[in-house]
N, C-alpha and C. Protein backbone atom coordinates (compact mmCIF):
# COMPACT_ATOMS: atom_id res chain seq x y z
N MET A 1 72.32 101.21 88.05
CA MET A 1 73.29 102.01 87.98
C MET A 1 73.72 102.34 89.73
N ASN A 2 75.12 101.91 89.85
CA ASN A 2 75.37 101.99 91.47
C ASN A 2 75.65 103.58 91.84
N ASN A 3 75.64 103.82 93.28
CA ASN A 3 75.84 105.05 93.63
C ASN A 3 77.14 105.84 92.89
N LYS A 4 78.39 104.90 93.22
CA LYS A 4 79.62 105.63 92.82
C LYS A 4 79.57 106.36 91.12
N LEU A 5 78.82 105.19 90.42
CA LEU A 5 78.99 105.63 89.28
C LEU A 5 78.03 106.70 88.83
N ILE A 6 77.04 106.85 89.39
CA ILE A 6 75.95 108.27 89.57
C ILE A 6 76.82 109.66 90.24
N GLN A 7 77.77 109.21 91.09
CA GLN A 7 78.46 110.56 91.55
C GLN A 7 79.43 110.93 90.60
N VAL A 8 79.73 110.19 89.99
CA VAL A 8 81.12 110.51 88.82
C VAL A 8 80.50 111.15 87.80
N ILE A 9 79.07 110.44 87.18
CA ILE A 9 78.58 111.21 86.05
C ILE A 9 78.02 112.81 86.68
N GLU A 10 77.76 112.79 87.73
CA GLU A 10 77.17 114.05 88.15
C GLU A 10 78.18 115.16 88.53
N ILE A 11 79.68 114.81 88.35
CA ILE A 11 80.74 115.68 88.69
C ILE A 11 81.16 116.50 87.46
N GLY A 12 80.62 117.82 87.27
CA GLY A 12 81.32 118.47 86.36
C GLY A 12 82.07 119.50 86.40
N ALA A 13 82.53 120.26 85.38
CA ALA A 13 83.87 120.95 85.37
C ALA A 13 83.70 122.36 86.58
N LYS A 14 82.70 122.72 87.15
CA LYS A 14 82.47 123.78 87.82
C LYS A 14 82.26 123.07 89.64
N THR A 15 82.27 121.84 89.70
CA THR A 15 82.09 121.01 91.06
C THR A 15 83.04 121.47 91.89
N TYR A 16 82.76 122.18 93.10
CA TYR A 16 84.02 122.25 93.97
C TYR A 16 84.78 121.18 94.53
N LEU A 17 85.96 121.20 94.57
CA LEU A 17 86.50 119.94 95.05
C LEU A 17 85.97 119.36 96.65
N SER A 18 85.47 120.50 97.20
CA SER A 18 84.88 120.17 98.72
C SER A 18 83.79 119.21 98.62
N THR A 19 83.00 119.20 97.66
CA THR A 19 81.71 118.39 97.52
C THR A 19 81.71 117.15 96.61
N ILE A 20 83.14 116.90 96.32
CA ILE A 20 83.53 115.38 95.82
C ILE A 20 83.82 114.44 96.50
N PRO A 21 83.33 113.29 96.67
CA PRO A 21 83.66 111.96 97.66
C PRO A 21 84.82 111.75 97.47
N ILE A 22 85.42 111.82 98.61
CA ILE A 22 86.70 110.94 98.97
C ILE A 22 86.51 109.41 98.89
N GLY A 23 88.10 108.89 98.17
CA GLY A 23 88.17 107.45 98.25
C GLY A 23 88.41 107.13 96.98
N GLY A 24 88.84 107.88 96.11
CA GLY A 24 88.98 107.49 95.05
C GLY A 24 88.36 108.44 93.77
N THR A 25 87.24 108.77 93.99
CA THR A 25 86.48 109.81 93.35
C THR A 25 87.22 111.16 92.93
N LEU A 26 87.65 111.80 93.90
CA LEU A 26 88.28 112.87 94.06
C LEU A 26 89.39 113.19 93.19
N ILE A 27 90.56 112.11 93.47
CA ILE A 27 91.40 112.21 92.60
C ILE A 27 91.34 111.97 91.32
N THR A 28 90.42 111.06 90.91
CA THR A 28 90.24 110.76 89.43
C THR A 28 89.53 111.98 89.20
N SER A 29 88.73 112.54 89.50
CA SER A 29 88.04 113.63 88.99
C SER A 29 89.05 114.80 88.82
N VAL A 30 89.95 114.91 89.65
CA VAL A 30 91.26 115.98 89.38
C VAL A 30 91.93 115.53 88.25
N TRP A 31 92.75 114.33 88.19
CA TRP A 31 93.31 114.12 87.20
C TRP A 31 92.58 114.27 85.83
N ASP A 32 91.01 114.03 85.71
CA ASP A 32 90.77 113.79 84.57
C ASP A 32 90.30 115.58 84.13
N SER A 33 90.39 116.27 85.11
CA SER A 33 90.24 117.80 84.55
C SER A 33 91.41 118.31 84.15
N VAL A 34 92.63 117.89 84.54
CA VAL A 34 93.82 118.38 84.67
C VAL A 34 94.17 117.62 83.13
N LYS A 35 93.92 116.66 82.94
CA LYS A 35 94.39 115.88 81.53
C LYS A 35 93.61 116.86 80.26
N ASN A 36 92.08 116.89 80.75
CA ASN A 36 91.19 117.32 79.37
C ASN A 36 91.68 118.72 79.31
N ASN A 37 92.15 119.56 80.13
CA ASN A 37 92.29 120.78 79.72
C ASN A 37 93.71 121.22 79.63
N LYS A 38 94.96 121.09 80.75
CA LYS A 38 96.13 121.71 80.63
C LYS A 38 97.12 120.58 79.84
N ILE A 39 97.16 119.28 80.29
CA ILE A 39 97.76 118.40 79.48
C ILE A 39 97.40 118.57 78.13
N GLU A 40 95.93 118.62 77.61
CA GLU A 40 95.73 118.13 76.29
C GLU A 40 96.34 119.42 75.44
N THR A 41 96.02 120.64 76.43
CA THR A 41 96.86 122.19 75.83
C THR A 41 98.18 121.83 75.32
N ARG A 42 98.84 121.34 76.15
CA ARG A 42 100.32 121.39 76.13
C ARG A 42 100.88 120.35 75.21
N GLN A 43 100.12 119.21 75.00
CA GLN A 43 100.48 118.36 73.90
C GLN A 43 100.14 118.94 72.56
N ASN A 44 98.98 119.85 72.16
CA ASN A 44 99.08 120.15 71.33
C ASN A 44 99.96 121.39 70.79
N GLU A 45 100.24 122.19 71.59
CA GLU A 45 101.41 123.18 71.63
C GLU A 45 102.80 122.62 71.12
N TRP A 46 102.72 121.57 71.71
CA TRP A 46 104.52 120.48 71.53
C TRP A 46 104.31 120.18 70.18
N LYS A 47 102.94 119.66 69.62
CA LYS A 47 102.69 118.73 68.63
C LYS A 47 102.99 119.86 67.55
N ASN A 48 102.15 121.27 67.91
CA ASN A 48 102.33 122.30 66.66
C ASN A 48 104.05 122.58 66.28
N MET A 49 104.66 122.49 67.31
CA MET A 49 105.99 123.59 67.13
C MET A 49 106.75 122.32 66.60
N ILE A 50 106.78 120.94 66.72
CA ILE A 50 107.72 120.18 66.27
C ILE A 50 107.35 119.96 64.68
N GLU A 51 106.11 120.01 64.60
CA GLU A 51 105.50 119.81 63.21
C GLU A 51 106.07 120.76 62.16
N ASN A 52 106.13 121.92 62.81
CA ASN A 52 106.89 123.62 61.91
C ASN A 52 107.96 123.15 61.62
N LYS A 53 108.82 122.63 62.92
CA LYS A 53 110.06 122.68 62.42
C LYS A 53 110.51 121.32 61.95
N LEU A 54 109.73 120.24 61.92
CA LEU A 54 110.10 119.06 61.25
C LEU A 54 109.87 119.15 59.45
N SER A 55 108.65 120.09 59.33
CA SER A 55 108.17 120.33 57.86
C SER A 55 109.25 120.82 56.98
N SER A 56 110.26 121.29 57.73
CA SER A 56 111.36 122.23 56.73
C SER A 56 112.59 121.23 56.61
N LEU A 57 112.55 120.29 57.15
CA LEU A 57 113.49 119.47 57.07
C LEU A 57 113.79 118.31 55.77
N GLU A 58 114.86 118.59 55.08
CA GLU A 58 115.07 117.52 53.95
C GLU A 58 115.48 115.91 54.47
N ILE A 59 114.74 115.44 54.81
CA ILE A 59 115.39 113.92 55.37
C ILE A 59 113.93 113.11 55.30
N SER A 60 114.31 111.75 54.86
CA SER A 60 113.44 111.05 54.90
C SER A 60 112.78 110.44 56.07
N LEU A 61 111.78 109.73 55.83
CA LEU A 61 110.86 109.18 57.17
C LEU A 61 111.80 108.06 57.42
N GLU A 62 112.38 107.23 56.52
CA GLU A 62 113.21 106.06 57.10
C GLU A 62 114.52 106.67 57.73
N ASP A 63 114.94 107.55 57.07
CA ASP A 63 116.27 107.96 57.72
C ASP A 63 116.01 108.48 59.44
N ILE A 64 114.96 109.39 59.43
CA ILE A 64 114.63 110.02 60.70
C ILE A 64 114.38 108.81 61.88
N GLY A 65 113.54 107.97 61.01
CA GLY A 65 113.09 106.73 61.72
C GLY A 65 114.11 105.84 62.38
N ASN A 66 115.48 105.82 61.79
CA ASN A 66 116.46 105.06 62.09
C ASN A 66 117.53 105.71 62.70
N ASN A 67 117.28 107.21 63.14
CA ASN A 67 118.03 107.89 64.00
C ASN A 67 117.99 107.76 65.28
N ASP A 68 118.87 106.97 65.87
CA ASP A 68 118.79 106.85 67.59
C ASP A 68 118.60 107.90 68.15
N LYS A 69 119.77 108.98 68.01
CA LYS A 69 119.52 110.18 68.94
C LYS A 69 118.49 110.78 68.72
N PHE A 70 117.78 110.97 67.49
CA PHE A 70 116.46 111.62 67.26
C PHE A 70 115.35 110.75 67.86
N THR A 71 115.61 109.41 68.12
CA THR A 71 114.54 108.69 68.70
C THR A 71 114.96 108.80 70.42
N THR A 72 115.79 108.97 70.79
CA THR A 72 115.92 108.91 72.08
C THR A 72 115.54 110.65 72.62
N CYS A 73 115.90 111.53 71.76
CA CYS A 73 115.59 112.81 71.87
C CYS A 73 113.92 113.32 72.26
N ILE A 74 113.29 112.39 71.10
CA ILE A 74 111.99 113.01 70.85
C ILE A 74 110.93 112.22 72.10
N LEU A 75 111.76 111.26 72.76
CA LEU A 75 111.05 110.57 73.40
C LEU A 75 111.21 111.42 74.85
N LYS A 76 112.39 111.74 75.09
CA LYS A 76 112.77 112.72 76.49
C LYS A 76 112.14 114.02 76.10
N ALA A 77 112.33 114.83 75.01
CA ALA A 77 111.83 115.99 74.88
C ALA A 77 110.16 116.19 75.04
N THR A 78 109.73 115.11 74.53
CA THR A 78 108.05 115.08 74.77
C THR A 78 107.86 114.97 76.00
N GLU A 79 108.36 114.23 76.73
CA GLU A 79 108.14 113.86 78.54
C GLU A 79 108.35 115.44 79.02
N LEU A 80 109.48 116.33 78.73
CA LEU A 80 109.83 117.37 79.37
C LEU A 80 108.56 118.16 79.09
N ALA A 81 108.29 118.40 77.76
CA ALA A 81 107.51 119.60 76.88
C ALA A 81 106.02 119.48 77.64
N ILE A 82 105.69 118.07 78.15
CA ILE A 82 104.25 118.11 78.48
C ILE A 82 104.16 118.48 80.35
N LYS A 83 105.56 118.42 80.83
CA LYS A 83 105.93 119.10 82.13
C LYS A 83 105.66 120.38 82.23
N THR A 84 105.82 121.12 81.16
CA THR A 84 106.25 122.59 81.42
C THR A 84 104.88 123.60 80.94
N SER A 85 105.29 124.49 81.60
CA SER A 85 104.15 125.47 81.19
C SER A 85 104.61 126.73 80.11
N SER A 86 106.21 126.53 80.31
CA SER A 86 106.86 127.78 79.52
C SER A 86 106.91 127.29 77.88
N ILE A 87 106.28 128.31 77.34
CA ILE A 87 106.48 128.45 75.75
C ILE A 87 107.96 128.07 75.46
N GLU A 88 108.88 129.08 75.90
CA GLU A 88 110.17 128.99 75.70
C GLU A 88 111.13 127.84 75.79
N LYS A 89 110.43 127.35 77.11
CA LYS A 89 111.49 125.97 77.38
C LYS A 89 110.91 124.97 76.14
N LYS A 90 109.56 125.10 75.63
CA LYS A 90 109.09 123.98 74.42
C LYS A 90 110.14 124.24 73.23
N LEU A 91 110.19 125.52 73.01
CA LEU A 91 111.08 126.33 71.71
C LEU A 91 112.23 125.50 72.02
N TYR A 92 112.98 125.66 73.34
CA TYR A 92 114.20 124.97 73.23
C TYR A 92 114.24 123.41 72.99
N LEU A 93 113.24 123.00 73.50
CA LEU A 93 113.42 121.40 73.54
C LEU A 93 112.87 121.14 71.78
N ALA A 94 112.07 121.80 71.03
CA ALA A 94 111.97 121.59 69.87
C ALA A 94 113.36 121.95 68.89
N ASN A 95 113.90 122.92 69.28
CA ASN A 95 115.30 123.02 68.89
C ASN A 95 116.28 122.10 68.99
N ALA A 96 116.12 121.29 70.21
CA ALA A 96 117.08 120.51 70.66
C ALA A 96 116.57 119.26 69.66
N LEU A 97 115.67 118.95 69.54
CA LEU A 97 115.02 117.82 68.71
C LEU A 97 115.57 117.68 67.51
N ILE A 98 115.47 118.90 66.85
CA ILE A 98 115.98 119.10 65.18
C ILE A 98 117.49 119.25 65.29
N ASN A 99 118.08 119.94 66.48
CA ASN A 99 119.81 119.31 66.17
C ASN A 99 120.18 118.22 66.86
N SER A 100 119.15 117.31 67.24
CA SER A 100 119.63 115.90 67.49
C SER A 100 120.06 115.03 66.35
N ILE A 101 119.27 115.64 65.09
CA ILE A 101 119.85 114.80 63.80
C ILE A 101 121.27 114.85 63.34
N ASN A 102 121.83 115.93 63.70
CA ASN A 102 122.92 116.38 63.29
C ASN A 102 124.18 116.65 64.33
N ILE A 103 123.90 116.68 65.70
CA ILE A 103 124.79 116.95 66.62
C ILE A 103 126.15 116.06 66.46
N ASP A 104 126.86 116.47 66.72
CA ASP A 104 128.36 115.93 66.69
C ASP A 104 128.95 115.61 68.20
N PHE A 105 127.90 115.44 69.06
CA PHE A 105 128.53 114.98 70.28
C PHE A 105 127.68 113.66 70.56
N ASP A 106 128.07 112.76 71.73
CA ASP A 106 127.29 111.36 71.77
C ASP A 106 126.02 111.67 72.43
N GLU A 107 125.34 110.50 72.31
CA GLU A 107 123.97 110.40 73.15
C GLU A 107 124.32 110.93 74.64
N THR A 108 125.05 110.21 75.24
CA THR A 108 125.26 110.84 76.69
C THR A 108 125.37 112.14 76.81
N THR A 109 126.21 112.73 76.10
CA THR A 109 126.10 114.37 76.62
C THR A 109 124.95 114.88 76.32
N MET A 110 124.04 114.30 75.06
CA MET A 110 122.67 114.95 74.91
C MET A 110 121.83 114.71 75.88
N LEU A 111 121.84 113.34 76.67
CA LEU A 111 120.90 113.18 77.83
C LEU A 111 121.40 114.00 78.87
N ILE A 112 122.46 114.17 79.46
CA ILE A 112 122.94 115.02 80.15
C ILE A 112 122.17 116.68 80.05
N PHE A 113 122.31 117.09 78.68
CA PHE A 113 121.99 118.26 78.45
C PHE A 113 120.34 118.62 78.86
N LEU A 114 119.68 117.12 78.14
CA LEU A 114 118.32 117.14 78.48
C LEU A 114 117.99 117.14 80.08
N ASN A 115 118.77 116.68 80.71
CA ASN A 115 118.32 116.53 82.15
C ASN A 115 118.82 117.69 82.87
N LEU A 116 119.49 118.60 82.35
CA LEU A 116 119.85 119.83 83.02
C LEU A 116 118.92 120.96 82.53
N ILE A 117 118.26 120.89 81.43
CA ILE A 117 117.22 121.68 80.99
C ILE A 117 115.70 121.28 81.73
N GLU A 118 115.82 120.11 81.91
CA GLU A 118 114.30 119.91 82.79
C GLU A 118 114.69 120.52 84.10
N GLU A 119 115.57 120.58 84.76
CA GLU A 119 115.60 121.43 86.08
C GLU A 119 115.61 122.87 86.07
N TYR A 120 116.06 123.61 84.72
CA TYR A 120 116.37 124.87 84.45
C TYR A 120 114.75 125.84 84.16
N THR A 121 114.94 126.89 84.47
CA THR A 121 113.87 127.48 84.23
C THR A 121 113.98 128.72 83.12
N ASP A 122 113.25 129.29 82.63
CA ASP A 122 113.63 130.41 81.61
C ASP A 122 114.78 131.46 81.94
N LEU A 123 114.66 131.42 83.24
CA LEU A 123 115.63 132.59 83.87
C LEU A 123 117.06 132.01 83.66
N HIS A 124 117.27 130.85 84.19
CA HIS A 124 118.74 129.88 84.12
C HIS A 124 119.13 130.46 82.37
N MET A 125 118.13 129.93 81.56
CA MET A 125 118.68 130.25 80.16
C MET A 125 118.88 131.66 79.89
N ILE A 126 118.13 132.63 80.15
CA ILE A 126 118.23 134.09 80.10
C ILE A 126 119.56 134.36 80.35
N ILE A 127 119.99 134.03 81.58
CA ILE A 127 121.35 134.35 82.24
C ILE A 127 122.55 133.63 81.62
N LEU A 128 122.29 132.41 81.29
CA LEU A 128 123.47 131.83 80.38
C LEU A 128 123.45 132.44 79.05
N ASP A 129 122.75 132.64 78.22
CA ASP A 129 122.80 133.36 77.44
C ASP A 129 123.35 134.65 77.40
N PHE A 130 122.90 135.41 77.97
CA PHE A 130 123.47 137.11 78.12
C PHE A 130 125.12 136.77 78.54
N PHE A 131 125.58 135.73 79.48
CA PHE A 131 126.81 135.82 79.78
C PHE A 131 127.69 134.95 78.53
N SER A 132 127.05 134.17 77.89
CA SER A 132 127.81 133.73 76.49
C SER A 132 128.23 134.45 75.98
N ASN A 133 127.66 135.84 75.67
CA ASN A 133 128.34 136.90 74.84
C ASN A 133 127.67 138.27 75.18
N PRO A 134 127.96 138.80 76.39
CA PRO A 134 127.43 139.96 77.01
C PRO A 134 127.77 141.27 75.98
N LEU A 135 128.63 141.17 74.96
CA LEU A 135 128.77 142.36 74.10
C LEU A 135 127.68 142.27 72.96
N LYS A 136 126.97 141.01 72.83
CA LYS A 136 126.05 141.21 71.89
C LYS A 136 124.64 141.99 72.45
N PHE A 137 124.73 142.56 73.33
CA PHE A 137 123.64 143.42 73.97
C PHE A 137 123.85 144.92 73.97
N SER A 138 123.21 145.58 73.49
CA SER A 138 123.60 146.98 73.09
C SER A 138 123.76 147.91 74.52
N SER A 139 123.18 147.37 75.53
CA SER A 139 123.51 148.07 76.77
C SER A 139 124.72 147.95 77.23
N VAL A 140 125.55 146.51 77.04
CA VAL A 140 126.48 146.28 77.44
C VAL A 140 127.80 147.17 76.25
N LYS A 141 127.57 146.92 75.05
CA LYS A 141 128.55 147.36 74.25
C LYS A 141 128.57 149.04 74.07
N ASN A 142 127.58 149.54 74.34
CA ASN A 142 127.64 151.07 74.85
C ASN A 142 127.57 151.44 76.16
N SER A 143 128.19 150.59 76.92
CA SER A 143 128.40 150.97 78.33
C SER A 143 129.67 151.66 78.35
N ASN A 144 130.00 152.47 79.42
CA ASN A 144 131.09 153.26 79.78
C ASN A 144 131.84 152.89 81.20
N LEU A 145 131.29 151.68 81.32
CA LEU A 145 131.76 151.06 82.62
C LEU A 145 133.22 151.42 82.57
N TYR A 146 133.84 151.61 83.74
CA TYR A 146 135.34 151.63 83.56
C TYR A 146 135.89 150.58 84.58
N MET A 147 135.15 150.09 85.87
CA MET A 147 135.29 149.26 86.64
C MET A 147 134.05 148.62 87.38
N GLY A 148 133.84 147.27 87.06
CA GLY A 148 132.59 146.74 87.68
C GLY A 148 132.41 145.68 87.40
N SER A 149 131.18 145.00 87.77
CA SER A 149 131.06 143.34 88.08
C SER A 149 130.22 142.96 86.57
N PRO A 150 130.61 141.94 86.26
CA PRO A 150 129.58 141.29 85.43
C PRO A 150 127.90 141.39 85.49
N MET A 151 127.56 141.13 86.84
CA MET A 151 126.33 141.07 87.18
C MET A 151 126.08 142.44 87.21
N LYS A 152 126.54 143.49 87.33
CA LYS A 152 126.13 145.10 86.94
C LYS A 152 125.65 145.24 85.64
N LEU A 153 126.32 144.89 84.75
CA LEU A 153 125.83 144.86 83.46
C LEU A 153 124.43 144.03 82.93
N PHE A 154 124.89 142.86 83.64
CA PHE A 154 123.35 141.92 83.53
C PHE A 154 122.36 142.60 84.07
N TYR A 155 122.34 143.46 85.10
CA TYR A 155 121.08 144.24 85.74
C TYR A 155 120.91 145.37 85.08
N ASP A 156 122.00 146.10 84.11
CA ASP A 156 121.69 147.15 83.32
C ASP A 156 120.87 146.62 82.41
N GLU A 157 120.97 145.43 82.01
CA GLU A 157 120.22 145.17 80.62
C GLU A 157 118.84 144.65 81.17
N TYR A 158 118.82 143.85 82.34
CA TYR A 158 117.62 143.54 82.61
C TYR A 158 117.26 143.86 83.99
N PRO A 159 116.77 145.44 84.42
CA PRO A 159 117.00 145.89 85.62
C PRO A 159 115.71 145.63 86.49
N ASN A 160 114.74 144.70 85.56
CA ASN A 160 113.18 143.83 86.62
C ASN A 160 113.80 143.07 87.11
N PHE A 161 115.15 142.41 87.06
CA PHE A 161 115.50 141.05 87.66
C PHE A 161 116.41 141.48 89.01
N LYS A 162 116.49 142.59 89.11
CA LYS A 162 117.37 143.08 90.26
C LYS A 162 116.55 143.04 91.79
N ALA A 163 115.32 142.98 91.52
CA ALA A 163 114.41 142.42 93.09
C ALA A 163 114.69 140.98 92.92
N LYS A 164 115.39 140.24 91.79
CA LYS A 164 115.46 138.77 92.30
C LYS A 164 116.94 138.23 92.31
N GLU A 165 117.94 139.49 93.11
CA GLU A 165 118.88 139.11 93.35
C GLU A 165 119.34 138.10 93.83
N ASN A 166 118.83 137.55 95.14
CA ASN A 166 119.38 136.43 95.36
C ASN A 166 119.03 135.13 95.21
N LEU A 167 117.73 135.03 94.29
CA LEU A 167 117.31 134.22 93.49
C LEU A 167 118.32 133.69 92.30
N ILE A 168 118.70 134.99 91.81
CA ILE A 168 119.83 134.64 90.63
C ILE A 168 121.10 134.30 91.13
N SER A 169 121.38 134.61 92.33
CA SER A 169 122.94 134.01 92.96
C SER A 169 122.86 132.91 93.21
N LEU A 170 121.64 132.21 93.49
CA LEU A 170 121.68 130.78 93.41
C LEU A 170 121.45 129.99 92.08
N ILE A 171 120.92 130.63 90.85
CA ILE A 171 120.99 130.08 89.68
C ILE A 171 122.32 130.25 89.30
N ASN A 172 122.92 131.36 89.42
CA ASN A 172 124.64 131.50 88.89
C ASN A 172 125.56 130.54 89.43
N ASN A 173 125.12 129.95 90.76
CA ASN A 173 125.83 128.96 91.43
C ASN A 173 125.62 127.81 90.94
N LYS A 174 124.39 127.76 90.65
CA LYS A 174 124.01 126.43 90.17
C LYS A 174 124.46 126.01 88.64
N LEU A 175 124.61 127.08 87.83
CA LEU A 175 125.09 126.94 86.53
C LEU A 175 126.62 126.84 86.48
N TYR A 176 127.52 127.60 87.43
CA TYR A 176 128.79 126.98 87.81
C TYR A 176 129.14 125.56 88.31
N LEU A 177 128.27 125.27 89.27
CA LEU A 177 128.54 123.90 89.47
C LEU A 177 128.35 122.81 88.43
N ASP A 178 127.23 123.07 87.63
CA ASP A 178 127.27 122.16 86.47
C ASP A 178 128.03 122.43 85.32
N GLY A 179 128.71 123.04 85.50
CA GLY A 179 129.88 123.58 84.68
C GLY A 179 129.69 124.13 83.23
N LEU A 180 128.42 124.96 83.36
CA LEU A 180 128.00 125.61 82.30
C LEU A 180 128.79 127.25 82.32
N LEU A 181 129.09 127.80 83.54
CA LEU A 181 129.77 129.05 83.81
C LEU A 181 130.96 128.88 84.55
N SER A 182 132.05 129.50 83.93
CA SER A 182 133.55 129.71 84.38
C SER A 182 133.69 130.16 85.71
N SER A 183 132.25 131.02 86.10
CA SER A 183 132.98 131.52 87.74
C SER A 183 131.68 131.82 88.38
N ASN A 184 131.73 131.48 89.67
CA ASN A 184 130.65 131.76 90.96
C ASN A 184 130.71 132.78 91.40
N SER A 185 131.64 133.70 91.04
CA SER A 185 132.00 135.37 91.66
C SER A 185 131.44 136.29 90.26
N LEU A 186 130.43 135.97 90.05
CA LEU A 186 130.28 137.48 89.14
C LEU A 186 129.91 138.89 89.27
N ASN A 187 129.71 138.66 91.01
CA ASN A 187 129.70 140.25 91.53
C ASN A 187 131.02 140.80 91.71
N THR A 188 132.01 139.91 91.45
CA THR A 188 133.31 140.38 91.69
C THR A 188 133.56 141.81 90.72
N THR A 189 134.27 142.73 91.23
CA THR A 189 134.78 144.16 90.61
C THR A 189 135.78 143.64 89.63
N MET A 190 135.82 144.17 88.54
CA MET A 190 137.03 143.75 87.50
C MET A 190 136.83 145.09 86.68
N THR A 191 138.00 144.88 85.55
CA THR A 191 138.15 145.84 84.39
C THR A 191 136.94 145.89 83.67
N SER A 192 136.58 147.01 82.68
CA SER A 192 135.36 146.67 81.77
C SER A 192 135.57 145.54 81.03
N ASP A 193 136.81 145.39 80.33
CA ASP A 193 136.97 144.28 79.48
C ASP A 193 136.70 143.16 80.23
N GLY A 194 136.85 142.54 81.51
CA GLY A 194 136.75 141.50 82.23
C GLY A 194 135.46 141.32 82.45
N ALA A 195 134.74 142.77 82.86
CA ALA A 195 133.31 142.20 82.83
C ALA A 195 132.52 142.35 81.72
N LYS A 196 133.03 142.66 80.71
CA LYS A 196 132.13 142.47 79.34
C LYS A 196 132.23 141.27 78.57
N GLY A 197 133.26 140.51 79.29
CA GLY A 197 133.88 138.96 78.71
C GLY A 197 133.02 137.99 78.79
N LYS A 198 133.09 137.17 77.89
CA LYS A 198 132.31 135.65 77.87
C LYS A 198 132.74 134.87 79.29
N GLN A 199 131.75 134.75 79.86
CA GLN A 199 131.54 134.24 81.15
C GLN A 199 131.31 132.47 81.13
N THR A 200 130.76 132.10 79.87
CA THR A 200 130.40 130.51 79.83
C THR A 200 131.70 129.84 79.65
N THR A 201 131.61 128.41 79.91
CA THR A 201 132.49 127.53 79.43
C THR A 201 132.41 126.71 78.06
N ASP A 202 133.17 126.02 77.84
CA ASP A 202 132.97 125.61 76.09
C ASP A 202 131.85 124.55 76.39
N LEU A 203 131.70 124.00 77.48
CA LEU A 203 130.33 123.14 77.55
C LEU A 203 129.09 124.06 77.68
N GLY A 204 129.05 124.99 78.37
CA GLY A 204 128.14 126.04 78.08
C GLY A 204 127.72 126.39 76.95
N ASP A 205 128.91 126.83 76.11
CA ASP A 205 128.55 126.95 74.52
C ASP A 205 127.86 125.79 74.12
N GLN A 206 128.18 124.82 74.30
CA GLN A 206 127.74 123.50 73.68
C GLN A 206 126.23 123.22 74.02
N PHE A 207 125.90 123.71 75.25
CA PHE A 207 124.68 123.43 75.57
C PHE A 207 123.78 124.31 75.09
N LEU A 208 124.09 125.68 75.11
CA LEU A 208 123.16 126.76 74.33
C LEU A 208 123.26 126.27 72.75
N GLU A 209 124.07 125.95 72.25
CA GLU A 209 123.86 125.68 70.80
C GLU A 209 123.20 124.62 70.57
N PHE A 210 122.77 123.65 71.65
CA PHE A 210 121.91 122.40 71.50
C PHE A 210 120.61 123.03 71.52
N PHE A 211 120.39 123.75 72.30
CA PHE A 211 119.05 124.14 72.54
C PHE A 211 118.45 125.76 71.59
N LYS A 212 119.45 126.08 71.00
CA LYS A 212 119.23 127.30 69.95
C LYS A 212 118.91 127.11 68.64
């Protein structure tokens, strides 16, 4: 048995990286550890999510196997699901997989939406969901705001996010540039009706519908 094989065999889960020889052994060991732990966990989470959703569908294996949009979506969504630790993002992807069967827009739009959500975090989705219909939140519906900004209402609903104001400003601008928000000036003071109004575009509403 050669020395390199002996080194690999002796590397255990609790081995410090600083003690593993470089030259290929280190990165191989790191990759094996990630694959056997987190990647396998993520694969199992994803498998369970989509099995639970698929099991409720009244559709034949033949029909689903011949559905081009579903085929494209399961390949892309599976890739994205393995890349993220977010359970919420996996749920969005699982919803998209089911919705891909009967969506009324073309595959190009679907792929654009999947590419966008690959870039987005849970916070992107929270912001987009809020501004799609602020009045569905009790804090907004019951607000006695006379004049103010849409962002004031957002922070009333999510006060813990106030500390991330600069980051949220970047996210809002990104959603605007992607065509999902109708304005990048959500800090502008306006009437109560204006502040409480919908801020998403039609494309933004389509995007949310695909992942909900």
